């Protein structure tokens, strides 16, 4: 599923209602920021019936 937004505020409102917890909110917010930086548009891509990925630190 690819969801497009007209503004960053619209995207943040949608994410706030969609995310199950703070970690998911952060992951989706970062995806919006990344997509805007590299494409100039606000959008999010989610796989159908798949949970939102979480950030994993694989440092030393």
Protein backbone atom coordinates (compact mmCIF):
# COMPACT_ATOMS: atom_id res chain seq x y z
CA UNK A 1 0.00 0.00 0.00
CA UNK A 2 1.34 3.40 -0.94
CA UNK A 3 -0.26 6.36 0.84
CA UNK A 4 0.33 9.90 -0.45
CA UNK A 5 -0.12 13.12 1.53
CA UNK A 6 -0.43 16.74 0.43
CA UNK A 7 1.42 18.17 3.45
CA UNK A 8 3.69 17.02 6.25
CA UNK A 9 0.97 17.87 8.79
CA UNK A 10 -1.50 15.62 6.98
CA UNK A 11 1.09 12.82 7.04
CA UNK A 12 1.80 13.26 10.76
CA UNK A 13 -1.92 13.21 11.58
CA UNK A 14 -2.37 9.98 9.64
CA UNK A 15 0.69 8.38 11.25
CA UNK A 16 -0.51 9.38 14.74
CA UNK A 17 -3.77 7.54 14.12
CA UNK A 18 -2.18 4.53 12.42
CA UNK A 19 0.84 3.78 14.62
CA UNK A 20 0.33 1.34 17.47
CA UNK A 21 3.10 2.76 19.63
CA UNK A 22 5.85 5.38 19.75
CA UNK A 23 8.42 3.16 18.03
CA UNK A 24 6.16 2.64 15.01
CA UNK A 25 5.38 6.35 14.92
CA UNK A 26 9.12 7.13 14.75
CA UNK A 27 9.74 4.59 11.96
CA UNK A 28 6.90 5.98 9.86
CA UNK A 29 7.93 9.59 10.54
CA UNK A 30 11.46 8.82 9.37
CA UNK A 31 10.10 7.15 6.23
CA UNK A 32 8.06 10.29 5.44
CA UNK A 33 11.15 12.48 5.98
CA UNK A 34 13.38 10.23 3.87
CA UNK A 35 10.84 10.05 1.02
CA UNK A 36 10.40 13.82 1.00
CA UNK A 37 14.15 14.50 0.98
CA UNK A 38 14.76 12.17 -1.97
CA UNK A 39 11.57 12.60 -4.01
CA UNK A 40 10.04 15.92 -2.94
CA UNK A 41 6.71 14.25 -2.10
CA UNK A 42 5.16 13.02 1.12
CA UNK A 43 4.32 9.33 0.94
CA UNK A 44 4.62 6.12 2.86
CA UNK A 45 4.89 2.54 1.61
CA UNK A 46 3.49 -0.29 3.68
CA UNK A 47 3.09 -3.94 2.75
CA UNK A 48 -0.46 -5.26 2.91
CA UNK A 49 -1.20 -7.24 6.10
CA UNK A 50 2.33 -6.77 7.39
CA UNK A 51 3.36 -5.18 10.65
CA UNK A 52 5.32 -1.93 10.65
CA UNK A 53 9.07 -2.59 10.87
CA UNK A 54 10.93 -1.39 13.92
CA UNK A 55 14.40 0.09 14.20
CA UNK A 56 17.10 -2.41 15.16
CA UNK A 57 20.59 -1.40 16.31
CA UNK A 58 23.29 -3.82 15.21
CA UNK A 59 26.26 -1.93 16.63
CA UNK A 60 29.20 -3.37 18.49
